[in-house]
Amino acid sequence: MESKMERVSSSVQSWVEEHKLATIGGVWAAAVGGSVAYSRRRSPQRATSLRLIHARIHAQALTLAVLGGAAAFHYYYSNKSKRSSAAEQLDLDFYSQLPAATDADGNENERWSW
């Protein structure tokens, strides 16, 4: 039986899969807001423009980390089945175009001799 937490997790995962750009934008906006709030609490005398510059840099770093994690997740988990089946379905048409190494009498073909 699937628990409530697993259902919520799968629904969140499917929503993120459908709304990738909105998710990235939301992560960026949350990082900017969090960084500005942290900076305001930590050093209230700092200028607002400086807070915004630092917040943007922090948000950009977090967004790159999230994108890297998403790329790694996509590479390792969604292509796992494709990689295993690709080895089984090798395209051998190239080898069928090559001339035979020997002719019908067993003599070596000129193209294969050095």
N, C-alpha and C. Protein backbone atom coordinates (compact mmCIF):
# COMPACT_ATOMS: atom_id res chain seq x y z
N MET A 1 0.84 -1.19 0.00
CA MET A 1 0.00 0.00 0.00
C MET A 1 0.88 1.25 0.00
N GLU A 2 0.56 2.16 -0.85
CA GLU A 2 1.35 3.37 -0.99
C GLU A 2 0.98 4.37 0.11
N SER A 3 1.99 4.86 0.81
CA SER A 3 1.72 5.79 1.90
C SER A 3 1.41 7.18 1.35
N LYS A 4 0.90 8.02 2.22
CA LYS A 4 0.54 9.39 1.83
C LYS A 4 1.79 10.17 1.42
N MET A 5 2.90 9.94 2.12
CA MET A 5 4.14 10.65 1.81
C MET A 5 4.65 10.28 0.42
N GLU A 6 4.54 9.01 0.05
CA GLU A 6 4.97 8.57 -1.28
C GLU A 6 4.09 9.17 -2.37
N ARG A 7 2.78 9.28 -2.11
CA ARG A 7 1.87 9.89 -3.09
C ARG A 7 2.19 11.37 -3.28
N VAL A 8 2.44 12.06 -2.18
CA VAL A 8 2.78 13.48 -2.26
C VAL A 8 4.10 13.64 -3.00
N SER A 9 5.07 12.80 -2.69
CA SER A 9 6.38 12.88 -3.34
C SER A 9 6.26 12.64 -4.84
N SER A 10 5.48 11.65 -5.24
CA SER A 10 5.33 11.38 -6.67
C SER A 10 4.55 12.49 -7.37
N SER A 11 3.57 13.09 -6.69
CA SER A 11 2.83 14.18 -7.33
C SER A 11 3.71 15.43 -7.46
N VAL A 12 4.54 15.71 -6.46
CA VAL A 12 5.47 16.83 -6.55
C VAL A 12 6.48 16.58 -7.66
N GLN A 13 6.97 15.36 -7.74
CA GLN A 13 7.94 15.01 -8.77
C GLN A 13 7.34 15.16 -10.17
N SER A 14 6.10 14.74 -10.35
CA SER A 14 5.47 14.88 -11.67
C SER A 14 5.20 16.36 -11.99
N TRP A 15 4.83 17.17 -10.97
CA TRP A 15 4.62 18.60 -11.22
C TRP A 15 5.92 19.26 -11.63
N VAL A 16 7.00 18.94 -10.93
CA VAL A 16 8.31 19.52 -11.26
C VAL A 16 8.74 19.10 -12.67
N GLU A 17 8.45 17.87 -13.03
CA GLU A 17 8.80 17.38 -14.37
C GLU A 17 8.06 18.17 -15.44
N GLU A 18 6.80 18.55 -15.18
CA GLU A 18 6.01 19.28 -16.16
C GLU A 18 6.32 20.78 -16.17
N HIS A 19 6.76 21.34 -15.04
CA HIS A 19 6.98 22.78 -14.90
C HIS A 19 8.43 23.07 -14.51
N LYS A 20 9.35 22.70 -15.35
CA LYS A 20 10.77 22.82 -15.03
C LYS A 20 11.20 24.29 -14.85
N LEU A 21 10.80 25.15 -15.77
CA LEU A 21 11.23 26.54 -15.70
C LEU A 21 10.62 27.26 -14.50
N ALA A 22 9.37 26.96 -14.20
CA ALA A 22 8.74 27.56 -13.03
C ALA A 22 9.42 27.10 -11.75
N THR A 23 9.84 25.86 -11.72
CA THR A 23 10.55 25.34 -10.54
C THR A 23 11.88 26.04 -10.36
N ILE A 24 12.62 26.19 -11.44
CA ILE A 24 13.93 26.86 -11.37
C ILE A 24 13.74 28.32 -10.96
N GLY A 25 12.74 28.99 -11.52
CA GLY A 25 12.45 30.37 -11.14
C GLY A 25 12.04 30.48 -9.68
N GLY A 26 11.26 29.52 -9.21
CA GLY A 26 10.86 29.53 -7.81
C GLY A 26 12.03 29.31 -6.87
N VAL A 27 12.93 28.42 -7.24
CA VAL A 27 14.13 28.20 -6.42
C VAL A 27 14.98 29.46 -6.40
N TRP A 28 15.11 30.11 -7.54
CA TRP A 28 15.90 31.34 -7.60
C TRP A 28 15.28 32.44 -6.75
N ALA A 29 13.95 32.63 -6.88
CA ALA A 29 13.27 33.68 -6.11
C ALA A 29 13.34 33.40 -4.60
N ALA A 30 13.17 32.15 -4.22
CA ALA A 30 13.27 31.79 -2.80
C ALA A 30 14.68 32.03 -2.28
N ALA A 31 15.68 31.74 -3.10
CA ALA A 31 17.06 31.96 -2.68
C ALA A 31 17.36 33.44 -2.53
N VAL A 32 16.85 34.26 -3.44
CA VAL A 32 17.05 35.71 -3.33
C VAL A 32 16.38 36.23 -2.06
N GLY A 33 15.13 35.83 -1.85
CA GLY A 33 14.41 36.27 -0.65
C GLY A 33 15.08 35.82 0.63
N GLY A 34 15.50 34.58 0.66
CA GLY A 34 16.18 34.06 1.85
C GLY A 34 17.51 34.76 2.11
N SER A 35 18.25 35.02 1.06
CA SER A 35 19.54 35.69 1.22
C SER A 35 19.36 37.14 1.67
N VAL A 36 18.37 37.84 1.13
CA VAL A 36 18.12 39.21 1.56
C VAL A 36 17.68 39.24 3.02
N ALA A 37 16.80 38.32 3.40
CA ALA A 37 16.34 38.27 4.79
C ALA A 37 17.49 37.95 5.74
N TYR A 38 18.32 37.01 5.36
CA TYR A 38 19.47 36.66 6.20
C TYR A 38 20.44 37.83 6.31
N SER A 39 20.70 38.50 5.21
CA SER A 39 21.61 39.63 5.21
C SER A 39 21.06 40.79 6.03
N ARG A 40 19.75 41.03 5.92
CA ARG A 40 19.13 42.11 6.68
C ARG A 40 19.21 41.84 8.19
N ARG A 41 19.02 40.60 8.56
CA ARG A 41 19.07 40.24 9.98
C ARG A 41 20.50 40.26 10.51
N ARG A 42 21.43 39.82 9.69
CA ARG A 42 22.82 39.69 10.12
C ARG A 42 23.53 41.05 10.20
N SER A 43 23.37 41.87 9.18
CA SER A 43 24.03 43.19 9.18
C SER A 43 23.06 44.24 8.65
N PRO A 44 22.25 44.83 9.53
CA PRO A 44 21.22 45.79 9.08
C PRO A 44 21.79 47.09 8.52
N GLN A 45 23.03 47.40 8.80
CA GLN A 45 23.60 48.66 8.32
C GLN A 45 24.06 48.56 6.87
N ARG A 46 24.09 47.38 6.28
CA ARG A 46 24.55 47.20 4.90
C ARG A 46 23.54 47.84 3.94
N ALA A 47 24.02 48.41 2.87
CA ALA A 47 23.15 49.07 1.89
C ALA A 47 22.28 48.04 1.17
N THR A 48 21.08 48.46 0.80
CA THR A 48 20.13 47.56 0.14
C THR A 48 20.67 47.08 -1.20
N SER A 49 21.33 47.96 -1.93
CA SER A 49 21.87 47.55 -3.23
C SER A 49 22.92 46.46 -3.07
N LEU A 50 23.73 46.57 -2.05
CA LEU A 50 24.74 45.55 -1.79
C LEU A 50 24.09 44.23 -1.37
N ARG A 51 23.03 44.32 -0.59
CA ARG A 51 22.28 43.11 -0.21
C ARG A 51 21.71 42.41 -1.44
N LEU A 52 21.16 43.19 -2.34
CA LEU A 52 20.58 42.60 -3.55
C LEU A 52 21.63 41.96 -4.44
N ILE A 53 22.80 42.59 -4.54
CA ILE A 53 23.88 42.02 -5.34
C ILE A 53 24.33 40.69 -4.75
N HIS A 54 24.52 40.64 -3.45
CA HIS A 54 24.94 39.39 -2.81
C HIS A 54 23.85 38.33 -2.90
N ALA A 55 22.60 38.76 -2.75
CA ALA A 55 21.48 37.82 -2.85
C ALA A 55 21.42 37.21 -4.25
N ARG A 56 21.64 38.01 -5.27
CA ARG A 56 21.62 37.49 -6.64
C ARG A 56 22.73 36.48 -6.87
N ILE A 57 23.91 36.77 -6.32
CA ILE A 57 25.03 35.84 -6.47
C ILE A 57 24.74 34.52 -5.74
N HIS A 58 24.20 34.61 -4.52
CA HIS A 58 23.85 33.39 -3.78
C HIS A 58 22.78 32.59 -4.52
N ALA A 59 21.77 33.30 -5.04
CA ALA A 59 20.70 32.62 -5.76
C ALA A 59 21.21 31.97 -7.03
N GLN A 60 22.12 32.63 -7.70
CA GLN A 60 22.68 32.06 -8.93
C GLN A 60 23.48 30.80 -8.62
N ALA A 61 24.24 30.82 -7.55
CA ALA A 61 25.01 29.63 -7.17
C ALA A 61 24.08 28.48 -6.80
N LEU A 62 23.02 28.77 -6.06
CA LEU A 62 22.07 27.72 -5.70
C LEU A 62 21.35 27.18 -6.93
N THR A 63 20.99 28.06 -7.85
CA THR A 63 20.31 27.63 -9.06
C THR A 63 21.21 26.73 -9.91
N LEU A 64 22.47 27.08 -10.02
CA LEU A 64 23.42 26.22 -10.76
C LEU A 64 23.57 24.87 -10.09
N ALA A 65 23.59 24.85 -8.77
CA ALA A 65 23.68 23.58 -8.05
C ALA A 65 22.44 22.72 -8.30
N VAL A 66 21.27 23.34 -8.29
CA VAL A 66 20.02 22.61 -8.54
C VAL A 66 20.01 22.09 -9.98
N LEU A 67 20.42 22.91 -10.92
CA LEU A 67 20.46 22.46 -12.32
C LEU A 67 21.45 21.31 -12.51
N GLY A 68 22.60 21.39 -11.86
CA GLY A 68 23.56 20.29 -11.93
C GLY A 68 23.01 19.01 -11.34
N GLY A 69 22.33 19.13 -10.21
CA GLY A 69 21.71 17.95 -9.60
C GLY A 69 20.62 17.37 -10.48
N ALA A 70 19.82 18.22 -11.10
CA ALA A 70 18.77 17.74 -11.99
C ALA A 70 19.35 17.06 -13.22
N ALA A 71 20.44 17.60 -13.74
CA ALA A 71 21.09 16.97 -14.90
C ALA A 71 21.66 15.61 -14.53
N ALA A 72 22.28 15.52 -13.37
CA ALA A 72 22.82 14.23 -12.92
C ALA A 72 21.70 13.23 -12.70
N PHE A 73 20.60 13.67 -12.08
CA PHE A 73 19.46 12.79 -11.86
C PHE A 73 18.92 12.30 -13.19
N HIS A 74 18.74 13.21 -14.14
CA HIS A 74 18.21 12.83 -15.45
C HIS A 74 19.14 11.85 -16.16
N TYR A 75 20.43 12.11 -16.10
CA TYR A 75 21.39 11.25 -16.79
C TYR A 75 21.42 9.84 -16.20
N TYR A 76 21.48 9.75 -14.88
CA TYR A 76 21.65 8.45 -14.26
C TYR A 76 20.37 7.64 -14.14
N TYR A 77 19.22 8.27 -14.00
CA TYR A 77 18.00 7.51 -13.74
C TYR A 77 17.09 7.37 -14.94
N SER A 78 16.95 8.38 -15.76
CA SER A 78 16.02 8.25 -16.87
C SER A 78 16.66 7.56 -18.08
N ASN A 79 17.96 7.60 -18.22
CA ASN A 79 18.62 6.96 -19.35
C ASN A 79 19.16 5.58 -18.99
N LYS A 80 18.89 5.10 -17.79
CA LYS A 80 19.43 3.82 -17.37
C LYS A 80 18.93 2.68 -18.25
N SER A 81 17.64 2.68 -18.55
CA SER A 81 17.09 1.63 -19.39
C SER A 81 17.56 1.76 -20.84
N LYS A 82 17.74 2.98 -21.31
CA LYS A 82 18.20 3.19 -22.68
C LYS A 82 19.62 2.67 -22.87
N ARG A 83 20.47 2.87 -21.87
CA ARG A 83 21.87 2.43 -21.99
C ARG A 83 21.96 0.91 -22.03
N SER A 84 21.15 0.22 -21.25
CA SER A 84 21.23 -1.24 -21.24
C SER A 84 20.68 -1.83 -22.54
N SER A 85 19.62 -1.24 -23.09
CA SER A 85 19.05 -1.78 -24.33
C SER A 85 19.88 -1.37 -25.55
N ALA A 86 20.61 -0.28 -25.47
CA ALA A 86 21.42 0.17 -26.61
C ALA A 86 22.55 -0.81 -26.88
N ALA A 87 23.09 -1.42 -25.84
CA ALA A 87 24.17 -2.39 -26.04
C ALA A 87 23.65 -3.64 -26.75
N GLU A 88 22.39 -3.97 -26.54
CA GLU A 88 21.82 -5.15 -27.18
C GLU A 88 21.44 -4.90 -28.63
N GLN A 89 21.17 -3.64 -28.99
CA GLN A 89 20.71 -3.31 -30.32
C GLN A 89 21.78 -2.60 -31.14
N LEU A 90 22.95 -3.19 -31.22
CA LEU A 90 24.03 -2.59 -32.00
C LEU A 90 23.68 -2.62 -33.48
N ASP A 91 24.00 -1.57 -34.16
CA ASP A 91 23.75 -1.49 -35.59
C ASP A 91 24.97 -2.06 -36.31
N LEU A 92 24.81 -3.23 -36.90
CA LEU A 92 25.92 -3.90 -37.55
C LEU A 92 25.90 -3.73 -39.07
N ASP A 93 25.15 -2.74 -39.56
CA ASP A 93 25.09 -2.51 -41.00
C ASP A 93 26.46 -2.17 -41.59
N PHE A 94 27.30 -1.50 -40.83
CA PHE A 94 28.62 -1.15 -41.31
C PHE A 94 29.42 -2.39 -41.69
N TYR A 95 29.34 -3.41 -40.85
CA TYR A 95 30.11 -4.62 -41.11
C TYR A 95 29.57 -5.42 -42.28
N SER A 96 28.30 -5.31 -42.56
CA SER A 96 27.75 -6.02 -43.71
C SER A 96 28.20 -5.40 -45.03
N GLN A 97 28.66 -4.15 -45.01
CA GLN A 97 29.11 -3.47 -46.21
C GLN A 97 30.57 -3.81 -46.55
N LEU A 98 31.31 -4.36 -45.62
CA LEU A 98 32.72 -4.67 -45.86
C LEU A 98 32.86 -5.91 -46.75
N PRO A 99 33.90 -5.95 -47.55
CA PRO A 99 34.12 -7.16 -48.37
C PRO A 99 34.58 -8.31 -47.48
N ALA A 100 34.39 -9.48 -47.94
CA ALA A 100 34.80 -10.67 -47.18
C ALA A 100 36.32 -10.72 -47.09
N ALA A 101 36.83 -11.29 -46.00
CA ALA A 101 38.27 -11.38 -45.80
C ALA A 101 38.89 -12.40 -46.76
N THR A 102 38.13 -13.41 -47.13
CA THR A 102 38.62 -14.41 -48.08
C THR A 102 37.58 -14.62 -49.15
N ASP A 103 38.03 -15.07 -50.32
CA ASP A 103 37.07 -15.37 -51.38
C ASP A 103 36.58 -16.80 -51.23
N ALA A 104 35.81 -17.26 -52.20
CA ALA A 104 35.20 -18.59 -52.11
C ALA A 104 36.25 -19.70 -52.07
N ASP A 105 37.43 -19.48 -52.69
CA ASP A 105 38.48 -20.50 -52.71
C ASP A 105 39.34 -20.48 -51.46
N GLY A 106 39.14 -19.51 -50.57
CA GLY A 106 39.94 -19.42 -49.35
C GLY A 106 41.14 -18.50 -49.48
N ASN A 107 41.30 -17.86 -50.64
CA ASN A 107 42.39 -16.92 -50.82
C ASN A 107 42.08 -15.60 -50.11
N GLU A 108 43.13 -14.98 -49.58
CA GLU A 108 42.93 -13.74 -48.85
C GLU A 108 42.57 -12.61 -49.80
N ASN A 109 41.59 -11.80 -49.42
CA ASN A 109 41.17 -10.67 -50.21
C ASN A 109 42.26 -9.59 -50.17
N GLU A 110 42.45 -8.88 -51.29
CA GLU A 110 43.48 -7.86 -51.37
C GLU A 110 43.26 -6.72 -50.39
N ARG A 111 42.05 -6.36 -50.14
CA ARG A 111 41.77 -5.25 -49.23
C ARG A 111 42.16 -5.56 -47.79
N TRP A 112 42.20 -6.82 -47.46
CA TRP A 112 42.52 -7.19 -46.08
C TRP A 112 43.99 -7.49 -45.87
N SER A 113 44.79 -7.52 -46.91
CA SER A 113 46.21 -7.83 -46.74
C SER A 113 47.00 -6.54 -46.60
N TRP A 114 48.00 -6.57 -45.83
CA TRP A 114 48.83 -5.39 -45.60
C TRP A 114 50.02 -5.51 -46.45
